Amino acid sequence: MIPPHYSTQHSPTRSKRVALIASAGGHWIELTRFAGAFMDYECLFISTASGLAAPVGDRPVVQISDGSRDTIYLLFKSVFGIYRALRSFQPDVVITTGAAPGVIALLVGKILGATTIWTDSIANSEELSLSGKIAKCFADLRLTQWEHLADPKHNICYMGRII
């Protein structure tokens, strides 16, 4: 294994790379709302929707299959698409606003040595989503958009709402 100080992923001469991934719809909208915070970084956006424009940077949005627990075959296609995109990009940080592809991205990002951040959708006001609960295994930081769901003991933080 190559020590981290020899890896281009951790090179002090290149800008930080941030991979941002979300399923289509509300998850994507939430992700684009805080994407401006990463204007000084090299960003890669990944989504399940086609024809999207990246809110930051000039890279095209990578489209992946939209799998879920109900469509296992498509979930496996998502795994390979996410792995290819992240392996090629070598992100320092992986951020997601959710759904199953986001959890997969956190796992792949963690394997590749990236810091991982999960932001649960604002739609989950009563409890964390299933994906948000699974993300605890792979996320360095889990964020909720509802103050009453924050639980520092279980690494669930509230830092405000996106929408």
N, C-alpha and C. Protein backbone atom coordinates (compact mmCIF):
# COMPACT_ATOMS: atom_id res chain seq x y z
N MET A 1 0.84 -1.18 0.00
CA MET A 1 0.00 0.00 0.00
C MET A 1 0.89 1.25 0.00
N ILE A 2 0.49 2.25 -0.78
CA ILE A 2 1.25 3.49 -0.87
C ILE A 2 0.92 4.36 0.33
N PRO A 3 1.94 4.85 1.04
CA PRO A 3 1.67 5.74 2.17
C PRO A 3 0.93 6.99 1.70
N PRO A 4 0.04 7.56 2.56
CA PRO A 4 -0.76 8.72 2.17
C PRO A 4 0.06 9.89 1.65
N HIS A 5 1.27 10.11 2.19
CA HIS A 5 2.04 11.27 1.76
C HIS A 5 2.60 11.11 0.35
N TYR A 6 2.53 9.90 -0.23
CA TYR A 6 2.94 9.70 -1.62
C TYR A 6 1.77 9.75 -2.59
N SER A 7 0.59 9.70 -2.08
CA SER A 7 -0.61 9.67 -2.92
C SER A 7 -0.94 11.06 -3.44
N THR A 8 -1.38 11.13 -4.70
CA THR A 8 -1.81 12.42 -5.24
C THR A 8 -3.09 12.87 -4.57
N GLN A 9 -3.83 11.93 -3.98
CA GLN A 9 -5.07 12.30 -3.30
C GLN A 9 -4.79 13.26 -2.14
N HIS A 10 -3.65 13.11 -1.51
CA HIS A 10 -3.33 13.93 -0.35
C HIS A 10 -2.20 14.92 -0.64
N SER A 11 -1.94 15.19 -1.88
CA SER A 11 -0.86 16.08 -2.28
C SER A 11 -1.17 17.52 -1.87
N PRO A 12 -0.20 18.20 -1.24
CA PRO A 12 -0.44 19.60 -0.86
C PRO A 12 -0.45 20.55 -2.06
N THR A 13 -0.01 20.06 -3.24
CA THR A 13 0.07 20.94 -4.40
C THR A 13 -1.22 20.98 -5.22
N ARG A 14 -2.14 20.08 -5.01
CA ARG A 14 -3.38 20.12 -5.77
C ARG A 14 -4.52 20.57 -4.87
N SER A 15 -5.53 21.17 -5.47
CA SER A 15 -6.66 21.64 -4.68
C SER A 15 -7.48 20.46 -4.17
N LYS A 16 -8.19 20.69 -3.09
CA LYS A 16 -9.04 19.65 -2.52
C LYS A 16 -10.09 19.24 -3.54
N ARG A 17 -10.39 17.97 -3.54
CA ARG A 17 -11.42 17.44 -4.43
C ARG A 17 -12.61 16.99 -3.60
N VAL A 18 -13.77 17.44 -4.03
CA VAL A 18 -15.01 17.12 -3.32
C VAL A 18 -15.97 16.45 -4.29
N ALA A 19 -16.43 15.27 -3.94
CA ALA A 19 -17.46 14.58 -4.72
C ALA A 19 -18.79 14.79 -4.00
N LEU A 20 -19.78 15.27 -4.74
CA LEU A 20 -21.11 15.52 -4.19
C LEU A 20 -22.09 14.65 -4.95
N ILE A 21 -22.86 13.85 -4.23
CA ILE A 21 -23.75 12.89 -4.87
C ILE A 21 -25.13 12.95 -4.25
N ALA A 22 -26.14 12.84 -5.11
CA ALA A 22 -27.53 12.83 -4.64
C ALA A 22 -28.41 12.17 -5.68
N SER A 23 -29.47 11.57 -5.20
CA SER A 23 -30.50 11.06 -6.10
C SER A 23 -31.25 12.24 -6.69
N ALA A 24 -32.03 11.97 -7.71
CA ALA A 24 -32.79 13.03 -8.38
C ALA A 24 -33.85 13.62 -7.44
N GLY A 25 -34.40 14.75 -7.83
CA GLY A 25 -35.50 15.37 -7.09
C GLY A 25 -35.01 16.19 -5.92
N GLY A 26 -35.69 16.04 -4.79
CA GLY A 26 -35.40 16.83 -3.60
C GLY A 26 -33.98 16.68 -3.08
N HIS A 27 -33.44 15.47 -3.16
CA HIS A 27 -32.06 15.25 -2.71
C HIS A 27 -31.09 16.11 -3.53
N TRP A 28 -31.30 16.14 -4.85
CA TRP A 28 -30.44 16.93 -5.74
C TRP A 28 -30.60 18.42 -5.45
N ILE A 29 -31.83 18.86 -5.25
CA ILE A 29 -32.09 20.28 -4.97
C ILE A 29 -31.36 20.70 -3.69
N GLU A 30 -31.45 19.88 -2.66
CA GLU A 30 -30.75 20.19 -1.41
C GLU A 30 -29.24 20.26 -1.62
N LEU A 31 -28.72 19.32 -2.38
CA LEU A 31 -27.28 19.30 -2.64
C LEU A 31 -26.82 20.57 -3.36
N THR A 32 -27.59 20.99 -4.34
CA THR A 32 -27.20 22.19 -5.10
C THR A 32 -27.30 23.46 -4.26
N ARG A 33 -28.13 23.44 -3.21
CA ARG A 33 -28.29 24.62 -2.36
C ARG A 33 -27.02 24.96 -1.60
N PHE A 34 -26.23 23.96 -1.23
CA PHE A 34 -24.99 24.28 -0.51
C PHE A 34 -23.74 24.04 -1.34
N ALA A 35 -23.91 23.76 -2.61
CA ALA A 35 -22.75 23.51 -3.48
C ALA A 35 -21.85 24.73 -3.63
N GLY A 36 -22.41 25.91 -3.51
CA GLY A 36 -21.62 27.14 -3.61
C GLY A 36 -20.52 27.23 -2.57
N ALA A 37 -20.67 26.51 -1.48
CA ALA A 37 -19.64 26.51 -0.43
C ALA A 37 -18.35 25.86 -0.91
N PHE A 38 -18.42 25.17 -2.05
CA PHE A 38 -17.26 24.44 -2.55
C PHE A 38 -16.68 25.04 -3.82
N MET A 39 -16.94 26.31 -4.06
CA MET A 39 -16.47 26.97 -5.28
C MET A 39 -14.95 26.98 -5.40
N ASP A 40 -14.25 26.95 -4.29
CA ASP A 40 -12.78 26.99 -4.31
C ASP A 40 -12.16 25.60 -4.43
N TYR A 41 -12.99 24.59 -4.60
CA TYR A 41 -12.50 23.22 -4.68
C TYR A 41 -12.82 22.63 -6.05
N GLU A 42 -12.12 21.57 -6.37
CA GLU A 42 -12.43 20.83 -7.59
C GLU A 42 -13.58 19.88 -7.24
N CYS A 43 -14.71 20.03 -7.92
CA CYS A 43 -15.91 19.27 -7.57
C CYS A 43 -16.32 18.30 -8.67
N LEU A 44 -16.84 17.18 -8.25
CA LEU A 44 -17.46 16.21 -9.14
C LEU A 44 -18.86 15.97 -8.61
N PHE A 45 -19.87 16.17 -9.46
CA PHE A 45 -21.26 15.93 -9.08
C PHE A 45 -21.73 14.63 -9.71
N ILE A 46 -22.45 13.85 -8.92
CA ILE A 46 -22.97 12.56 -9.37
C ILE A 46 -24.45 12.53 -9.01
N SER A 47 -25.29 12.09 -9.96
CA SER A 47 -26.73 12.02 -9.70
C SER A 47 -27.36 10.90 -10.51
N THR A 48 -28.57 10.56 -10.13
CA THR A 48 -29.32 9.54 -10.85
C THR A 48 -30.13 10.14 -11.99
N ALA A 49 -30.19 11.46 -12.07
CA ALA A 49 -30.96 12.13 -13.13
C ALA A 49 -30.07 12.43 -14.33
N SER A 50 -30.68 12.49 -15.48
CA SER A 50 -29.92 12.83 -16.69
C SER A 50 -30.10 14.31 -17.03
N GLY A 51 -29.15 14.84 -17.76
CA GLY A 51 -29.26 16.21 -18.26
C GLY A 51 -29.08 17.31 -17.24
N LEU A 52 -28.47 17.01 -16.12
CA LEU A 52 -28.27 18.04 -15.09
C LEU A 52 -26.99 18.83 -15.36
N ALA A 53 -26.99 20.06 -14.95
CA ALA A 53 -25.79 20.90 -15.03
C ALA A 53 -25.20 21.03 -13.64
N ALA A 54 -23.89 20.95 -13.55
CA ALA A 54 -23.22 21.11 -12.27
C ALA A 54 -23.38 22.54 -11.78
N PRO A 55 -23.77 22.73 -10.52
CA PRO A 55 -23.94 24.09 -10.00
C PRO A 55 -22.61 24.81 -9.77
N VAL A 56 -21.52 24.04 -9.71
CA VAL A 56 -20.19 24.59 -9.48
C VAL A 56 -19.21 23.86 -10.40
N GLY A 57 -18.29 24.58 -10.98
CA GLY A 57 -17.25 23.96 -11.80
C GLY A 57 -17.71 23.68 -13.21
N ASP A 58 -16.81 23.07 -13.97
CA ASP A 58 -17.10 22.83 -15.38
C ASP A 58 -17.15 21.35 -15.75
N ARG A 59 -17.06 20.48 -14.77
CA ARG A 59 -17.16 19.04 -15.06
C ARG A 59 -18.62 18.68 -15.32
N PRO A 60 -18.86 17.74 -16.23
CA PRO A 60 -20.24 17.28 -16.42
C PRO A 60 -20.71 16.48 -15.20
N VAL A 61 -22.00 16.47 -14.97
CA VAL A 61 -22.57 15.65 -13.89
C VAL A 61 -22.53 14.20 -14.35
N VAL A 62 -21.99 13.33 -13.52
CA VAL A 62 -21.92 11.91 -13.83
C VAL A 62 -23.28 11.30 -13.50
N GLN A 63 -23.86 10.61 -14.45
CA GLN A 63 -25.15 9.96 -14.21
C GLN A 63 -24.92 8.49 -13.86
N ILE A 64 -25.62 8.05 -12.81
CA ILE A 64 -25.56 6.65 -12.38
C ILE A 64 -26.97 6.08 -12.34
N SER A 65 -27.06 4.77 -12.23
CA SER A 65 -28.36 4.11 -12.11
C SER A 65 -28.98 4.44 -10.76
N ASP A 66 -30.30 4.49 -10.71
CA ASP A 66 -31.02 4.80 -9.48
C ASP A 66 -31.55 3.52 -8.88
N GLY A 67 -30.77 2.92 -8.00
CA GLY A 67 -31.19 1.68 -7.36
C GLY A 67 -31.70 1.94 -5.96
N SER A 68 -32.47 0.99 -5.45
CA SER A 68 -32.98 1.08 -4.08
C SER A 68 -33.16 -0.34 -3.56
N ARG A 69 -33.66 -0.45 -2.35
CA ARG A 69 -33.89 -1.79 -1.79
C ARG A 69 -34.94 -2.55 -2.58
N ASP A 70 -35.76 -1.82 -3.36
CA ASP A 70 -36.78 -2.46 -4.18
C ASP A 70 -36.27 -2.85 -5.57
N THR A 71 -35.15 -2.29 -5.97
CA THR A 71 -34.57 -2.58 -7.29
C THR A 71 -33.09 -2.93 -7.12
N ILE A 72 -32.85 -4.10 -6.57
CA ILE A 72 -31.49 -4.53 -6.23
C ILE A 72 -30.58 -4.56 -7.46
N TYR A 73 -31.09 -5.00 -8.60
CA TYR A 73 -30.28 -5.06 -9.82
C TYR A 73 -29.72 -3.67 -10.15
N LEU A 74 -30.57 -2.66 -10.09
CA LEU A 74 -30.12 -1.30 -10.38
C LEU A 74 -29.17 -0.78 -9.30
N LEU A 75 -29.35 -1.26 -8.08
CA LEU A 75 -28.46 -0.86 -7.00
C LEU A 75 -27.04 -1.35 -7.28
N PHE A 76 -26.92 -2.57 -7.81
CA PHE A 76 -25.59 -3.08 -8.16
C PHE A 76 -24.98 -2.27 -9.30
N LYS A 77 -25.80 -1.85 -10.26
CA LYS A 77 -25.30 -0.99 -11.32
C LYS A 77 -24.81 0.34 -10.74
N SER A 78 -25.51 0.83 -9.74
CA SER A 78 -25.09 2.07 -9.06
C SER A 78 -23.71 1.91 -8.43
N VAL A 79 -23.51 0.77 -7.78
CA VAL A 79 -22.23 0.51 -7.11
C VAL A 79 -21.09 0.66 -8.11
N PHE A 80 -21.21 0.02 -9.26
CA PHE A 80 -20.13 0.07 -10.24
C PHE A 80 -19.95 1.46 -10.82
N GLY A 81 -21.04 2.16 -11.09
CA GLY A 81 -20.94 3.52 -11.61
C GLY A 81 -20.29 4.47 -10.62
N ILE A 82 -20.68 4.35 -9.36
CA ILE A 82 -20.11 5.21 -8.31
C ILE A 82 -18.63 4.88 -8.11
N TYR A 83 -18.32 3.59 -8.08
CA TYR A 83 -16.92 3.20 -7.90
C TYR A 83 -16.04 3.76 -9.02
N ARG A 84 -16.49 3.59 -10.26
CA ARG A 84 -15.71 4.10 -11.40
C ARG A 84 -15.50 5.61 -11.29
N ALA A 85 -16.55 6.34 -10.98
CA ALA A 85 -16.45 7.80 -10.90
C ALA A 85 -15.53 8.24 -9.77
N LEU A 86 -15.69 7.65 -8.59
CA LEU A 86 -14.88 8.07 -7.45
C LEU A 86 -13.44 7.60 -7.57
N ARG A 87 -13.24 6.41 -8.09
CA ARG A 87 -11.87 5.90 -8.27
C ARG A 87 -11.10 6.79 -9.23
N SER A 88 -11.74 7.23 -10.27
CA SER A 88 -11.11 8.10 -11.26
C SER A 88 -10.84 9.50 -10.68
N PHE A 89 -11.78 10.03 -9.93
CA PHE A 89 -11.69 11.40 -9.40
C PHE A 89 -10.79 11.50 -8.17
N GLN A 90 -10.73 10.46 -7.35
CA GLN A 90 -9.95 10.44 -6.11
C GLN A 90 -10.29 11.61 -5.19
N PRO A 91 -11.53 11.65 -4.68
CA PRO A 91 -11.93 12.79 -3.83
C PRO A 91 -11.28 12.75 -2.45
N ASP A 92 -11.11 13.94 -1.90
CA ASP A 92 -10.68 14.06 -0.51
C ASP A 92 -11.89 13.97 0.41
N VAL A 93 -13.04 14.43 -0.10
CA VAL A 93 -14.28 14.45 0.67
C VAL A 93 -15.41 13.96 -0.22
N VAL A 94 -16.31 13.15 0.35
CA VAL A 94 -17.53 12.72 -0.33
C VAL A 94 -18.70 13.22 0.51
N ILE A 95 -19.60 13.96 -0.13
CA ILE A 95 -20.76 14.53 0.56
C ILE A 95 -22.01 14.08 -0.17
N THR A 96 -23.03 13.69 0.60
CA THR A 96 -24.29 13.28 -0.01
C THR A 96 -25.48 13.79 0.79
N THR A 97 -26.57 14.04 0.07
CA THR A 97 -27.83 14.37 0.71
C THR A 97 -28.79 13.20 0.60
N GLY A 98 -28.28 12.11 0.12
CA GLY A 98 -29.07 10.94 0.32
C GLY A 98 -29.58 10.07 -0.77
N ALA A 99 -30.32 9.17 -0.21
CA ALA A 99 -30.89 7.97 -0.80
C ALA A 99 -29.79 6.92 -0.95
N ALA A 100 -30.17 5.76 -1.42
CA ALA A 100 -29.27 4.61 -1.46
C ALA A 100 -27.96 4.88 -2.19
N PRO A 101 -27.97 5.53 -3.35
CA PRO A 101 -26.69 5.80 -4.01
C PRO A 101 -25.73 6.64 -3.15
N GLY A 102 -26.28 7.49 -2.32
CA GLY A 102 -25.44 8.28 -1.42
C GLY A 102 -24.73 7.43 -0.39
N VAL A 103 -25.43 6.44 0.15
CA VAL A 103 -24.81 5.53 1.11
C VAL A 103 -23.69 4.75 0.43
N ILE A 104 -23.95 4.30 -0.79
CA ILE A 104 -22.92 3.57 -1.54
C ILE A 104 -21.70 4.47 -1.75
N ALA A 105 -21.94 5.73 -2.09
CA ALA A 105 -20.83 6.66 -2.31
C ALA A 105 -20.01 6.85 -1.04
N LEU A 106 -20.66 6.88 0.12
CA LEU A 106 -19.93 7.01 1.37
C LEU A 106 -19.03 5.80 1.60
N LEU A 107 -19.56 4.62 1.36
CA LEU A 107 -18.78 3.39 1.52
C LEU A 107 -17.58 3.40 0.58
N VAL A 108 -17.82 3.67 -0.69
CA VAL A 108 -16.72 3.70 -1.67
C VAL A 108 -15.72 4.79 -1.30
N GLY A 109 -16.22 5.96 -0.94
CA GLY A 109 -15.34 7.04 -0.54
C GLY A 109 -14.47 6.67 0.65
N LYS A 110 -15.07 6.02 1.62
CA LYS A 110 -14.33 5.59 2.81
C LYS A 110 -13.23 4.60 2.42
N ILE A 111 -13.55 3.65 1.55
CA ILE A 111 -12.56 2.68 1.08
C ILE A 111 -11.40 3.39 0.38
N LEU A 112 -11.71 4.45 -0.36
CA LEU A 112 -10.69 5.19 -1.10
C LEU A 112 -9.95 6.21 -0.23
N GLY A 113 -10.31 6.30 1.04
CA GLY A 113 -9.59 7.18 1.97
C GLY A 113 -10.15 8.59 2.11
N ALA A 114 -11.35 8.82 1.62
CA ALA A 114 -11.96 10.16 1.70
C ALA A 114 -12.67 10.36 3.03
N THR A 115 -12.80 11.61 3.42
CA THR A 115 -13.66 11.99 4.54
C THR A 115 -15.09 11.96 4.00
N THR A 116 -16.04 11.47 4.80
CA THR A 116 -17.40 11.29 4.31
C THR A 116 -18.41 12.04 5.17
N ILE A 117 -19.38 12.68 4.48
CA ILE A 117 -20.40 13.48 5.17
C ILE A 117 -21.78 13.13 4.62
N TRP A 118 -22.70 12.81 5.51
CA TRP A 118 -24.09 12.52 5.16
C TRP A 118 -24.96 13.66 5.67
N THR A 119 -25.82 14.19 4.81
CA THR A 119 -26.83 15.17 5.23
C THR A 119 -28.20 14.57 4.96
N ASP A 120 -28.97 14.31 6.01
CA ASP A 120 -30.28 13.70 5.83
C ASP A 120 -31.25 14.73 5.26
N SER A 121 -32.15 14.27 4.44
CA SER A 121 -33.11 15.15 3.78
C SER A 121 -34.02 15.85 4.78
N ILE A 122 -34.42 17.05 4.46
CA ILE A 122 -35.33 17.81 5.32
C ILE A 122 -36.69 17.12 5.41
N ALA A 123 -36.99 16.25 4.46
CA ALA A 123 -38.27 15.54 4.47
C ALA A 123 -38.38 14.58 5.65
N ASN A 124 -37.26 14.21 6.24
CA ASN A 124 -37.25 13.25 7.35
C ASN A 124 -37.32 14.00 8.68
N SER A 125 -38.52 14.44 9.04
CA SER A 125 -38.69 15.28 10.23
C SER A 125 -38.96 14.49 11.50
N GLU A 126 -39.37 13.24 11.37
CA GLU A 126 -39.69 12.42 12.55
C GLU A 126 -38.51 11.57 13.01
N GLU A 127 -37.77 11.05 12.06
CA GLU A 127 -36.60 10.23 12.36
C GLU A 127 -35.68 10.23 11.14
N LEU A 128 -34.44 9.79 11.35
CA LEU A 128 -33.52 9.69 10.23
C LEU A 128 -34.05 8.68 9.22
N SER A 129 -33.72 8.90 7.97
CA SER A 129 -34.11 7.96 6.92
C SER A 129 -33.37 6.64 7.13
N LEU A 130 -33.85 5.59 6.48
CA LEU A 130 -33.16 4.30 6.55
C LEU A 130 -31.72 4.46 6.05
N SER A 131 -31.55 5.18 4.95
CA SER A 131 -30.20 5.40 4.43
C SER A 131 -29.35 6.18 5.44
N GLY A 132 -29.96 7.15 6.11
CA GLY A 132 -29.25 7.91 7.13
C GLY A 132 -28.80 7.06 8.29
N LYS A 133 -29.62 6.08 8.65
CA LYS A 133 -29.26 5.16 9.72
C LYS A 133 -28.12 4.24 9.28
N ILE A 134 -28.18 3.77 8.04
CA ILE A 134 -27.11 2.92 7.51
C ILE A 134 -25.82 3.71 7.37
N ALA A 135 -25.94 4.99 7.04
CA ALA A 135 -24.76 5.84 6.81
C ALA A 135 -23.87 5.96 8.04
N LYS A 136 -24.40 5.67 9.23
CA LYS A 136 -23.57 5.79 10.42
C LYS A 136 -22.35 4.89 10.36
N CYS A 137 -22.44 3.82 9.58
CA CYS A 137 -21.31 2.90 9.44
C CYS A 137 -20.18 3.48 8.59
N PHE A 138 -20.49 4.46 7.74
CA PHE A 138 -19.51 4.95 6.76
C PHE A 138 -19.27 6.45 6.83
N ALA A 139 -20.11 7.18 7.54
CA ALA A 139 -20.00 8.65 7.54
C ALA A 139 -19.14 9.13 8.71
N ASP A 140 -18.21 10.01 8.39
CA ASP A 140 -17.44 10.65 9.45
C ASP A 140 -18.29 11.69 10.17
N LEU A 141 -19.24 12.25 9.44
CA LEU A 141 -20.16 13.24 10.01
C LEU A 141 -21.54 13.00 9.43
N ARG A 142 -22.54 12.93 10.31
CA ARG A 142 -23.94 12.84 9.86
C ARG A 142 -24.66 14.08 10.33
N LEU A 143 -25.37 14.70 9.39
CA LEU A 143 -26.11 15.93 9.69
C LEU A 143 -27.60 15.71 9.51
N THR A 144 -28.38 16.30 10.40
CA THR A 144 -29.82 16.32 10.27
C THR A 144 -30.25 17.78 10.10
N GLN A 145 -31.35 17.98 9.44
CA GLN A 145 -31.87 19.34 9.26
C GLN A 145 -32.95 19.67 10.28
N TRP A 146 -33.13 18.79 11.25
CA TRP A 146 -34.11 19.01 12.31
C TRP A 146 -33.39 18.97 13.65
N GLU A 147 -33.46 20.06 14.38
CA GLU A 147 -32.73 20.19 15.63
C GLU A 147 -33.08 19.09 16.64
N HIS A 148 -34.35 18.70 16.70
CA HIS A 148 -34.76 17.69 17.68
C HIS A 148 -34.24 16.29 17.34
N LEU A 149 -33.72 16.08 16.13
CA LEU A 149 -33.16 14.78 15.76
C LEU A 149 -31.65 14.69 16.03
N ALA A 150 -31.04 15.81 16.38
CA ALA A 150 -29.61 15.80 16.66
C ALA A 150 -29.33 14.93 17.87
N ASP A 151 -28.26 14.18 17.80
CA ASP A 151 -27.86 13.29 18.88
C ASP A 151 -26.34 13.14 18.84
N PRO A 152 -25.62 14.06 19.48
CA PRO A 152 -24.16 14.02 19.42
C PRO A 152 -23.57 12.69 19.89
N LYS A 153 -24.27 12.02 20.79
CA LYS A 153 -23.80 10.73 21.29
C LYS A 153 -23.71 9.70 20.15
N HIS A 154 -24.56 9.86 19.15
CA HIS A 154 -24.57 8.95 18.00
C HIS A 154 -24.06 9.63 16.73
N ASN A 155 -23.28 10.70 16.90
CA ASN A 155 -22.65 11.41 15.78
C ASN A 155 -23.67 11.96 14.78
N ILE A 156 -24.79 12.48 15.29
CA ILE A 156 -25.79 13.13 14.44
C ILE A 156 -25.86 14.59 14.88
N CYS A 157 -25.42 15.48 14.01
CA CYS A 157 -25.32 16.90 14.36
C CYS A 157 -26.35 17.73 13.60
N TYR A 158 -26.73 18.82 14.22
CA TYR A 158 -27.61 19.79 13.59
C TYR A 158 -26.82 21.07 13.39
N MET A 159 -26.75 21.55 12.15
CA MET A 159 -26.04 22.80 11.84
C MET A 159 -26.93 23.76 11.07
N GLY A 160 -28.23 23.49 11.08
CA GLY A 160 -29.17 24.33 10.36
C GLY A 160 -29.80 23.58 9.20
N ARG A 161 -30.67 24.29 8.50
CA ARG A 161 -31.38 23.69 7.36
C ARG A 161 -30.81 24.19 6.05
N ILE A 162 -30.90 23.35 5.05
CA ILE A 162 -30.46 23.73 3.71
C ILE A 162 -31.54 24.52 3.01
N ILE A 163 -32.78 24.07 3.16
CA ILE A 163 -33.90 24.72 2.47
C ILE A 163 -34.65 25.60 3.46
